């Protein structure tokens, strides 16, 4: 008979003992991991020794996550443009210099460029966040330069430049506003969570936006809950705060307060779109739960254009409220909204006054096949002009997106997600185009143009004598 009869079955008591031992080890390891995470977070928040290294690690992890998310397939993307290569019809373009900034391309995040019609860079500025704010007083955690990019700019004739900084990885992306001279020297900085856009009035007054995360809802709007909220800032030409208007309260205290009902629980604000079957829109709804208004553009009405808008007054400010799918005009003296409108647009950006009494805006998600640019008459509710890729091919920019009516009637279109600029004529022919350069080290895994604006040669006195828009 063989001496080997197989392994003996452990007794029930021994099995229970082993199970308790395994559970105890699992709990101990989990507890150590949680304590390590909390300690690391405390190191960053309170800036104890090694905070910078830990901050870099967290930022790197976030950037990896965002890159993998951005590069994942999206449902039903629009077809590629039917016109390939570079387009340039000199007989129909408005020749000038285009200010633009790319995001997510390693080494270019903190640069903003000025190029001529041949797409040659004639000037550039460098705005490194850590140089301007070595220890930012308005941000509690470590900010790595690799996560910062230039989101908006305003160029003065002498080459001075207002720069709005954003984060690639944070929900509350605004990081501050600074003014540089033509040689990228810092003139002043405004330490606040400034985001998205900046405009300058006729007297040099600066209009900007700031947000605050986790703020308690204002009285009467308790249903909103703690979310990211926006304020309209008014700054002196040298960057001193003159006035601050909470935009939620400005809307609450106006005849347009019912627009805020869209923020009540269960309201997705997407009546015309199938949010239940489209993952892209499900993500959009989640974003709206975190950010009350997502104000993304600001334009002050000049005295020159005011006669074209009989319902408005010079000095009033037009804002785009993305998460309400609404445009609004704020009276700076009253601190209240005096006009607002919703239309067929969804998640819009870059609303602005035109010299014909109309408004122009970039409609991100309102077109059936992608994005579009709309010209809107606030008096008649008509749409005299629109562009959604006719004679070129559809484009989709879920985020950002800008537009500009040029002096000759053409429209400069910034397809941010597509990384391209298009100049469209009134008959919807594309007469000029630009594609952001690809980079294998792009942090977001895509081309992305954060901002762009065309300036006429007579608007820029700082350029070298003889510098031509079209050499």
Protein backbone atom coordinates (compact mmCIF):
# COMPACT_ATOMS: atom_id res chain seq x y z
CA UNK A 1 0.00 0.00 0.00
CA UNK A 2 1.30 3.43 -0.87
CA UNK A 3 2.20 5.71 1.98
CA UNK A 4 0.93 8.80 0.04
CA UNK A 5 -2.85 9.32 0.31
CA UNK A 6 -3.13 12.97 -0.94
CA UNK A 7 -3.22 16.25 0.99
CA UNK A 8 -5.38 16.32 4.09
CA UNK A 9 -8.39 18.68 4.07
CA UNK A 10 -7.87 21.55 6.59
CA UNK A 11 -10.24 21.55 9.51
CA UNK A 12 -13.10 24.13 9.57
CA UNK A 13 -11.41 25.92 12.46
CA UNK A 14 -8.18 26.18 10.49
CA UNK A 15 -10.06 27.48 7.43
CA UNK A 16 -11.78 30.18 9.51
CA UNK A 17 -8.46 31.20 11.03
CA UNK A 18 -6.84 31.46 7.60
CA UNK A 19 -9.79 33.54 6.27
CA UNK A 20 -9.59 35.97 9.20
CA UNK A 21 -5.83 36.28 8.69
CA UNK A 22 -6.29 37.05 4.93
CA UNK A 23 -8.99 39.64 5.59
CA UNK A 24 -6.84 41.29 8.27
CA UNK A 25 -3.89 41.55 5.86
CA UNK A 26 -6.13 42.99 3.13
CA UNK A 27 -7.56 45.62 5.49
CA UNK A 28 -4.10 46.51 6.75
CA UNK A 29 -2.72 47.00 3.22
CA UNK A 30 -5.79 49.01 2.17
CA UNK A 31 -5.45 51.19 5.27
CA UNK A 32 -1.80 51.88 4.50
CA UNK A 33 -2.66 52.84 0.91
CA UNK A 34 -5.40 55.23 2.05
CA UNK A 35 -3.14 56.81 4.69
CA UNK A 36 -0.37 57.21 2.10
CA UNK A 37 -2.74 58.92 -0.32
CA UNK A 38 -4.08 61.27 2.37
CA UNK A 39 -0.56 62.11 3.53
CA UNK A 40 0.51 62.83 -0.07
CA UNK A 41 -2.50 65.08 -0.60
CA UNK A 42 -1.73 66.94 2.62
CA UNK A 43 1.87 67.42 1.54
CA UNK A 44 0.70 69.08 -1.69
CA UNK A 45 -2.09 71.18 -0.21
CA UNK A 46 0.00 72.52 2.68
CA UNK A 47 3.23 72.63 0.64
CA UNK A 48 5.33 70.59 3.03
CA UNK A 49 8.76 69.38 1.85
CA UNK A 50 8.64 67.26 -1.34
CA UNK A 51 5.32 68.87 -2.35
CA UNK A 52 6.67 69.76 -5.78
CA UNK A 53 7.71 66.16 -6.58
CA UNK A 54 4.38 64.76 -5.43
CA UNK A 55 2.54 67.47 -7.35
CA UNK A 56 4.42 66.49 -10.49
CA UNK A 57 3.41 62.87 -9.96
CA UNK A 58 -0.25 63.70 -9.53
CA UNK A 59 -0.18 66.07 -12.52
CA UNK A 60 1.48 63.40 -14.63
CA UNK A 61 -1.14 60.84 -13.67
CA UNK A 62 -3.92 63.28 -14.49
CA UNK A 63 -2.34 64.17 -17.83
CA UNK A 64 -2.03 60.45 -18.71
CA UNK A 65 -5.70 59.92 -17.86
CA UNK A 66 -6.82 62.92 -19.92
CA UNK A 67 -4.67 61.85 -22.84
CA UNK A 68 -6.11 58.33 -22.85
CA UNK A 69 -9.61 59.77 -22.53
CA UNK A 70 -9.08 62.31 -25.33
CA UNK A 71 -7.64 59.67 -27.66
CA UNK A 72 -10.49 57.19 -27.11
CA UNK A 73 -12.97 56.85 -29.97
CA UNK A 74 -15.88 59.29 -30.06
CA UNK A 75 -19.29 58.34 -31.36
CA UNK A 76 -20.14 59.26 -34.94
CA UNK A 77 -17.28 61.71 -35.67
CA UNK A 78 -17.85 64.00 -38.65
CA UNK A 79 -16.19 62.95 -41.91
CA UNK A 80 -12.79 64.40 -42.78
CA UNK A 81 -12.81 67.69 -44.72
CA UNK A 82 -13.43 67.09 -48.40
CA UNK A 83 -10.79 69.70 -49.27
CA UNK A 84 -7.28 68.58 -48.36
CA UNK A 85 -4.08 70.58 -48.05
CA UNK A 86 -3.61 74.31 -47.65
CA UNK A 87 -6.16 76.73 -49.07
CA UNK A 88 -5.22 80.29 -50.01
CA UNK A 89 -7.02 82.58 -52.43
CA UNK A 90 -5.22 85.95 -52.15
CA UNK A 91 -7.87 87.70 -54.21
CA UNK A 92 -10.56 86.99 -51.59
CA UNK A 93 -8.81 86.91 -48.19
CA UNK A 94 -8.60 89.67 -45.61
CA UNK A 95 -4.84 89.97 -45.32
CA UNK A 96 -3.56 90.50 -41.81
CA UNK A 97 -1.67 88.86 -38.98
CA UNK A 98 -3.21 86.00 -36.99
CA UNK A 99 -2.53 85.62 -33.28
CA UNK A 100 -2.89 81.99 -32.19
CA UNK A 101 -1.97 79.55 -29.43
CA UNK A 102 -1.96 75.76 -29.41
CA UNK A 103 -2.69 73.56 -26.40
CA UNK A 104 -1.41 70.14 -25.52
CA UNK A 105 1.68 70.21 -27.77
CA UNK A 106 4.73 69.71 -25.58
CA UNK A 107 6.98 72.76 -25.68
CA UNK A 108 4.32 75.06 -27.18
CA UNK A 109 1.85 75.36 -24.29
CA UNK A 110 3.31 78.62 -23.04
CA UNK A 111 3.89 80.22 -26.44
CA UNK A 112 1.57 82.43 -28.43
CA UNK A 113 2.38 83.22 -32.04
CA UNK A 114 1.67 85.92 -34.62
CA UNK A 115 1.80 84.67 -38.21
CA UNK A 116 1.33 86.27 -41.61
CA UNK A 117 -0.89 85.01 -44.42
CA UNK A 118 1.90 82.67 -45.55
CA UNK A 119 1.66 81.04 -42.10
CA UNK A 120 5.15 82.28 -41.21
CA UNK A 121 5.68 83.31 -37.57
CA UNK A 122 6.68 86.98 -37.44
CA UNK A 123 6.60 87.36 -33.64
CA UNK A 124 6.05 85.25 -30.56
CA UNK A 125 5.60 85.62 -26.80
CA UNK A 126 6.52 83.18 -24.05
CA UNK A 127 4.48 83.15 -20.85
CA UNK A 128 5.74 80.48 -18.45
CA UNK A 129 3.38 80.16 -15.50
CA UNK A 130 6.09 79.37 -12.93
CA UNK A 131 8.03 82.50 -13.90
CA UNK A 132 4.98 84.72 -13.41
CA UNK A 133 3.74 82.93 -10.27
CA UNK A 134 6.60 81.04 -8.54
CA UNK A 135 4.20 80.49 -5.61
CA UNK A 136 0.67 81.39 -6.76
CA UNK A 137 -1.32 82.79 -3.81
CA UNK A 138 -4.67 81.96 -5.43
CA UNK A 139 -4.03 78.24 -5.98
CA UNK A 140 -3.58 75.86 -3.05
CA UNK A 141 -1.88 73.00 -4.91
CA UNK A 142 1.30 72.73 -6.95
CA UNK A 143 0.97 73.81 -10.60
CA UNK A 144 3.32 72.18 -13.09
CA UNK A 145 4.17 74.20 -16.20
CA UNK A 146 3.39 71.15 -18.34
CA UNK A 147 -0.28 71.30 -17.34
CA UNK A 148 -0.63 75.03 -18.15
CA UNK A 149 -1.47 76.52 -21.52
CA UNK A 150 -2.50 79.89 -22.94
CA UNK A 151 -6.25 79.93 -23.50
CA UNK A 152 -6.92 83.50 -24.64
CA UNK A 153 -5.05 86.66 -25.54
CA UNK A 154 -5.69 90.30 -26.33
CA UNK A 155 -3.04 92.09 -28.41
CA UNK A 156 -2.45 95.84 -28.10
CA UNK A 157 -1.04 97.91 -31.01
CA UNK A 158 2.34 98.33 -29.25
CA UNK A 159 2.80 94.58 -28.80
CA UNK A 160 1.63 94.34 -25.20
CA UNK A 161 -0.37 91.16 -24.67
CA UNK A 162 -3.01 90.10 -22.14
CA UNK A 163 -2.77 86.36 -21.47
CA UNK A 164 -5.33 84.06 -19.82
CA UNK A 165 -3.87 80.84 -18.38
CA UNK A 166 -5.70 77.51 -18.16
CA UNK A 167 -4.98 74.04 -16.86
CA UNK A 168 -5.13 70.96 -19.08
CA UNK A 169 -6.19 68.71 -16.21
CA UNK A 170 -8.34 70.62 -13.71
CA UNK A 171 -12.13 71.02 -13.77
CA UNK A 172 -11.70 74.60 -12.52
CA UNK A 173 -9.24 75.35 -15.28
CA UNK A 174 -8.71 79.11 -14.88
CA UNK A 175 -5.27 79.95 -13.50
CA UNK A 176 -4.83 83.71 -13.88
CA UNK A 177 -4.39 86.80 -16.05
CA UNK A 178 -1.14 88.60 -16.88
CA UNK A 179 0.04 91.39 -19.14
CA UNK A 180 3.33 91.08 -21.05
CA UNK A 181 5.20 93.56 -23.22
CA UNK A 182 6.26 92.72 -26.78
CA UNK A 183 9.44 91.07 -25.47
CA UNK A 184 7.51 88.81 -23.02
CA UNK A 185 8.51 90.83 -19.97
CA UNK A 186 5.88 90.82 -17.22
CA UNK A 187 4.10 94.16 -16.79
CA UNK A 188 1.56 93.04 -14.18
CA UNK A 189 -0.44 90.02 -13.07
CA UNK A 190 -3.89 89.49 -11.57
CA UNK A 191 -3.86 86.54 -9.19
CA UNK A 192 -7.30 84.99 -9.49
CA UNK A 193 -8.92 81.99 -11.20
CA UNK A 194 -9.40 84.00 -14.40
CA UNK A 195 -10.59 81.82 -17.27
CA UNK A 196 -11.67 81.65 -20.92
CA UNK A 197 -11.74 85.23 -22.24
CA UNK A 198 -10.68 88.84 -21.86
CA UNK A 199 -11.78 92.07 -23.57
CA UNK A 200 -10.68 95.72 -23.43
CA UNK A 201 -13.00 98.74 -23.63
CA UNK A 202 -12.42 102.02 -25.42
CA UNK A 203 -10.98 103.63 -22.27
CA UNK A 204 -8.60 100.73 -21.59
CA UNK A 205 -10.81 99.10 -18.95
CA UNK A 206 -10.37 95.32 -18.92
CA UNK A 207 -13.24 92.82 -18.69
CA UNK A 208 -12.56 89.24 -17.65
CA UNK A 209 -14.12 86.19 -16.00
CA UNK A 210 -13.19 84.30 -12.85
CA UNK A 211 -14.62 81.18 -11.24
CA UNK A 212 -14.72 79.65 -7.78
CA UNK A 213 -15.16 75.97 -7.08
CA UNK A 214 -17.51 74.50 -4.48
CA UNK A 215 -19.15 77.82 -3.71
CA UNK A 216 -22.43 77.78 -1.80
CA UNK A 217 -25.42 78.69 -4.01
CA UNK A 218 -26.79 82.24 -3.61
CA UNK A 219 -30.04 82.87 -1.77
CA UNK A 220 -33.06 81.70 -3.73
CA UNK A 221 -30.96 79.32 -5.84
CA UNK A 222 -30.35 76.61 -3.26
CA UNK A 223 -31.48 73.95 -5.78
CA UNK A 224 -28.23 74.54 -7.69
CA UNK A 225 -26.08 73.15 -4.87
CA UNK A 226 -22.33 73.79 -4.51
CA UNK A 227 -20.87 74.13 -7.99
CA UNK A 228 -18.32 76.10 -9.95
CA UNK A 229 -19.66 79.67 -10.21
CA UNK A 230 -18.59 82.64 -12.35
CA UNK A 231 -18.01 86.34 -11.76
CA UNK A 232 -17.53 89.20 -14.21
CA UNK A 233 -14.40 91.22 -13.40
CA UNK A 234 -13.71 94.83 -14.28
CA UNK A 235 -10.04 95.83 -14.02
CA UNK A 236 -8.19 99.10 -14.54
CA UNK A 237 -5.66 99.26 -17.41
CA UNK A 238 -2.90 98.44 -14.89
CA UNK A 239 -4.69 95.37 -13.55
CA UNK A 240 -6.38 96.71 -10.40
CA UNK A 241 -9.82 95.37 -9.52
CA UNK A 242 -12.59 97.94 -9.98
CA UNK A 243 -15.74 95.84 -9.80
CA UNK A 244 -16.84 92.22 -9.45
CA UNK A 245 -20.33 91.04 -10.48
CA UNK A 246 -21.57 87.52 -9.54
CA UNK A 247 -23.26 86.30 -12.72
CA UNK A 248 -25.70 83.90 -11.02
CA UNK A 249 -27.04 86.74 -8.90
CA UNK A 250 -27.14 89.06 -11.93
CA UNK A 251 -29.42 86.56 -13.65
CA UNK A 252 -31.46 85.81 -10.52
CA UNK A 253 -32.24 89.53 -10.05
CA UNK A 254 -33.51 90.00 -13.61
CA UNK A 255 -36.66 89.31 -15.66
CA UNK A 256 -34.76 86.35 -17.15
CA UNK A 257 -34.39 84.41 -13.90
CA UNK A 258 -36.50 81.52 -15.21
CA UNK A 259 -33.57 80.51 -17.41
CA UNK A 260 -31.98 79.18 -14.23
CA UNK A 261 -34.67 76.49 -14.04
CA UNK A 262 -32.52 74.58 -16.52
CA UNK A 263 -30.13 73.94 -13.60
CA UNK A 264 -32.74 72.16 -11.48
CA UNK A 265 -32.17 68.44 -10.85
CA UNK A 266 -33.37 66.30 -13.73
CA UNK A 267 -33.14 69.07 -16.32
CA UNK A 268 -30.48 68.17 -18.89
CA UNK A 269 -31.08 71.28 -21.01
CA UNK A 270 -30.96 69.17 -24.16
CA UNK A 271 -34.59 68.93 -25.27
CA UNK A 272 -33.70 68.62 -28.97
CA UNK A 273 -30.92 66.07 -28.64
CA UNK A 274 -30.93 62.37 -27.78
CA UNK A 275 -28.90 62.52 -24.56
CA UNK A 276 -29.91 59.01 -23.52
CA UNK A 277 -28.13 57.25 -26.38
CA UNK A 278 -25.18 59.55 -27.06
CA UNK A 279 -22.17 59.06 -24.70
CA UNK A 280 -20.81 62.43 -25.81
CA UNK A 281 -23.91 64.16 -24.48
CA UNK A 282 -23.94 62.08 -21.31
CA UNK A 283 -20.48 63.50 -20.57
CA UNK A 284 -21.83 66.97 -21.35
CA UNK A 285 -24.65 66.52 -18.81
CA UNK A 286 -22.16 65.41 -16.15
CA UNK A 287 -20.12 68.55 -16.78
CA UNK A 288 -23.22 70.69 -16.28
CA UNK A 289 -23.77 69.11 -12.87
CA UNK A 290 -20.36 70.41 -11.77
CA UNK A 291 -20.32 73.86 -13.37
CA UNK A 292 -23.39 76.10 -13.01
CA UNK A 293 -23.00 78.48 -15.97
CA UNK A 294 -19.62 77.90 -17.64
CA UNK A 295 -19.43 81.49 -18.84
CA UNK A 296 -16.97 81.39 -21.72
CA UNK A 297 -16.86 84.76 -23.47
CA UNK A 298 -17.08 88.45 -22.58
CA UNK A 299 -17.50 91.46 -24.92
CA UNK A 300 -18.15 95.09 -23.97
CA UNK A 301 -20.37 97.19 -26.26
CA UNK A 302 -18.48 100.21 -27.58
CA UNK A 303 -20.00 103.66 -28.09
CA UNK A 304 -19.30 103.25 -31.82
CA UNK A 305 -21.45 100.12 -32.10
CA UNK A 306 -24.09 101.06 -29.51
CA UNK A 307 -26.34 102.89 -32.04
CA UNK A 308 -26.63 99.60 -33.95
CA UNK A 309 -28.15 97.93 -30.87
CA UNK A 310 -31.14 100.02 -29.73
CA UNK A 311 -32.01 97.56 -26.95
CA UNK A 312 -28.54 97.90 -25.35
CA UNK A 313 -26.33 100.70 -24.07
CA UNK A 314 -22.62 101.41 -24.48
CA UNK A 315 -20.64 99.83 -21.67
CA UNK A 316 -23.00 96.87 -21.24
CA UNK A 317 -21.36 93.46 -21.51
CA UNK A 318 -22.37 90.45 -23.61
CA UNK A 319 -21.58 87.04 -22.09
CA UNK A 320 -22.04 83.47 -23.32
CA UNK A 321 -23.50 81.06 -20.73
CA UNK A 322 -22.61 77.66 -22.16
CA UNK A 323 -24.44 75.47 -19.64
CA UNK A 324 -27.67 77.41 -20.07
CA UNK A 325 -27.32 77.48 -23.88
CA UNK A 326 -27.96 81.20 -23.47
CA UNK A 327 -26.55 84.62 -24.32
CA UNK A 328 -26.98 87.51 -21.86
CA UNK A 329 -26.22 91.22 -21.62
CA UNK A 330 -25.21 92.58 -18.19
CA UNK A 331 -25.62 96.21 -17.16
CA UNK A 332 -22.51 97.11 -15.17
CA UNK A 333 -24.21 99.81 -13.05
CA UNK A 334 -27.24 97.73 -12.13
CA UNK A 335 -25.24 94.52 -11.78
CA UNK A 336 -28.11 92.67 -13.44
CA UNK A 337 -28.95 90.96 -16.73
CA UNK A 338 -30.99 93.30 -18.96
CA UNK A 339 -31.38 90.92 -21.92
CA UNK A 340 -31.02 87.19 -22.50
CA UNK A 341 -31.88 84.72 -25.21
CA UNK A 342 -31.82 81.03 -25.99
CA UNK A 343 -31.88 79.74 -29.54
CA UNK A 344 -31.11 76.67 -31.63
CA UNK A 345 -27.50 76.77 -30.46
CA UNK A 346 -26.07 74.39 -27.83
CA UNK A 347 -22.88 74.72 -25.72
CA UNK A 348 -21.98 77.89 -27.66
CA UNK A 349 -18.81 80.02 -27.39
CA UNK A 350 -17.41 83.41 -28.39
CA UNK A 351 -20.54 85.58 -28.66
CA UNK A 352 -19.75 89.07 -30.01
CA UNK A 353 -21.27 92.26 -31.38
CA UNK A 354 -21.20 92.93 -35.13
CA UNK A 355 -21.30 96.37 -36.74
CA UNK A 356 -24.60 95.52 -38.51
CA UNK A 357 -26.51 95.14 -35.23
CA UNK A 358 -26.29 91.34 -35.20
CA UNK A 359 -24.45 88.90 -32.94
CA UNK A 360 -21.95 86.24 -34.03
CA UNK A 361 -21.33 83.01 -32.10
CA UNK A 362 -19.70 79.61 -32.41
CA UNK A 363 -22.40 76.93 -32.01
CA UNK A 364 -20.58 73.85 -30.74
CA UNK A 365 -23.30 71.19 -30.59
CA UNK A 366 -26.35 72.70 -32.29
CA UNK A 367 -25.82 71.44 -35.83
CA UNK A 368 -26.96 67.93 -36.81
CA UNK A 369 -23.53 66.92 -38.16
CA UNK A 370 -21.17 68.93 -35.97
CA UNK A 371 -20.46 72.57 -35.14
CA UNK A 372 -21.38 75.77 -36.96
CA UNK A 373 -21.07 79.55 -36.83
CA UNK A 374 -24.29 81.56 -36.52
CA UNK A 375 -25.07 85.20 -37.22
CA UNK A 376 -28.09 86.14 -35.11
CA UNK A 377 -30.33 89.21 -35.20
CA UNK A 378 -31.46 89.89 -31.59
CA UNK A 379 -34.33 92.10 -32.76
CA UNK A 380 -35.96 89.83 -35.33
CA UNK A 381 -34.68 86.46 -34.03
CA UNK A 382 -33.51 85.72 -37.60
CA UNK A 383 -30.26 84.05 -38.70
CA UNK A 384 -29.00 86.00 -41.75
CA UNK A 385 -25.90 83.81 -42.16
CA UNK A 386 -24.54 80.52 -40.91
CA UNK A 387 -21.67 78.20 -41.76
CA UNK A 388 -21.42 74.49 -40.96
CA UNK A 389 -18.83 73.35 -43.48
CA UNK A 390 -20.55 73.96 -46.80
CA UNK A 391 -18.13 73.73 -49.75
CA UNK A 392 -15.52 72.28 -47.41
CA UNK A 393 -16.70 69.56 -45.04
CA UNK A 394 -18.31 69.41 -41.57
CA UNK A 395 -16.27 70.12 -38.43
CA UNK A 396 -16.94 69.29 -34.78
CA UNK A 397 -15.45 71.16 -31.84
CA UNK A 398 -17.08 69.96 -28.64
CA UNK A 399 -14.84 72.29 -26.66
CA UNK A 400 -13.76 75.89 -27.23
CA UNK A 401 -14.31 77.09 -30.81
CA UNK A 402 -14.21 80.76 -31.86
CA UNK A 403 -15.22 83.03 -34.71
CA UNK A 404 -14.48 86.55 -35.96
CA UNK A 405 -16.15 88.68 -38.62
CA UNK A 406 -13.40 90.31 -40.69
CA UNK A 407 -13.58 93.80 -42.22
CA UNK A 408 -14.16 92.48 -45.78
CA UNK A 409 -17.15 90.37 -44.68
CA UNK A 410 -15.28 87.07 -44.40
CA UNK A 411 -15.44 85.06 -41.17
CA UNK A 412 -12.44 83.52 -39.41
CA UNK A 413 -13.47 80.22 -37.81
CA UNK A 414 -11.45 78.46 -35.10
CA UNK A 415 -12.16 74.72 -35.10
CA UNK A 416 -10.34 74.10 -31.83
CA UNK A 417 -10.77 70.31 -31.58
CA UNK A 418 -9.86 69.91 -35.24
CA UNK A 419 -6.80 72.11 -34.84
CA UNK A 420 -7.67 74.20 -37.89
CA UNK A 421 -8.46 77.79 -38.87
CA UNK A 422 -10.80 78.54 -41.77
CA UNK A 423 -11.54 81.84 -43.45
CA UNK A 424 -14.98 81.58 -45.04
CA UNK A 425 -16.35 84.09 -47.55
CA UNK A 426 -19.99 85.27 -47.39
CA UNK A 427 -20.90 82.69 -50.10
CA UNK A 428 -19.39 79.99 -47.80
CA UNK A 429 -16.29 79.29 -49.87
CA UNK A 430 -13.20 78.63 -47.74
CA UNK A 431 -10.55 81.04 -49.06
CA UNK A 432 -7.77 80.40 -46.51
CA UNK A 433 -6.93 77.64 -44.05
CA UNK A 434 -4.34 76.69 -41.47
CA UNK A 435 -3.72 73.36 -39.74
CA UNK A 436 -1.98 73.28 -36.37
CA UNK A 437 1.31 71.36 -36.61
CA UNK A 438 1.15 67.80 -35.32
CA UNK A 439 3.47 66.70 -32.53
CA UNK A 440 4.05 63.12 -31.39
CA UNK A 441 4.47 64.35 -27.81
CA UNK A 442 1.09 66.10 -27.69
CA UNK A 443 -0.18 65.83 -24.12
CA UNK A 444 -3.82 65.64 -25.18
CA UNK A 445 -3.25 63.30 -28.11
CA UNK A 446 -4.71 65.80 -30.59
CA UNK A 447 -4.15 69.11 -32.34
CA UNK A 448 -5.95 71.84 -30.42
CA UNK A 449 -6.05 75.57 -31.13
CA UNK A 450 -7.03 77.37 -27.93
CA UNK A 451 -7.35 80.85 -29.39
CA UNK A 452 -6.90 82.77 -32.64
CA UNK A 453 -7.70 86.27 -33.89
CA UNK A 454 -6.81 88.19 -37.06
CA UNK A 455 -5.42 91.76 -36.81
CA UNK A 456 -5.14 94.17 -39.72
CA UNK A 457 -1.67 95.60 -40.47
CA UNK A 458 -2.84 99.06 -39.37
CA UNK A 459 -3.74 97.66 -35.92
CA UNK A 460 -0.17 96.61 -35.03
CA UNK A 461 2.35 99.42 -34.80
CA UNK A 462 5.06 97.37 -33.06
CA UNK A 463 5.97 95.21 -36.05
CA UNK A 464 9.17 95.96 -37.92
CA UNK A 465 8.89 98.55 -40.66
CA UNK A 466 8.22 96.82 -43.93
CA UNK A 467 6.67 93.70 -42.32
CA UNK A 468 3.93 92.65 -44.71
CA UNK A 469 0.87 90.52 -44.06
CA UNK A 470 1.44 88.78 -47.39
CA UNK A 471 5.16 88.88 -48.28
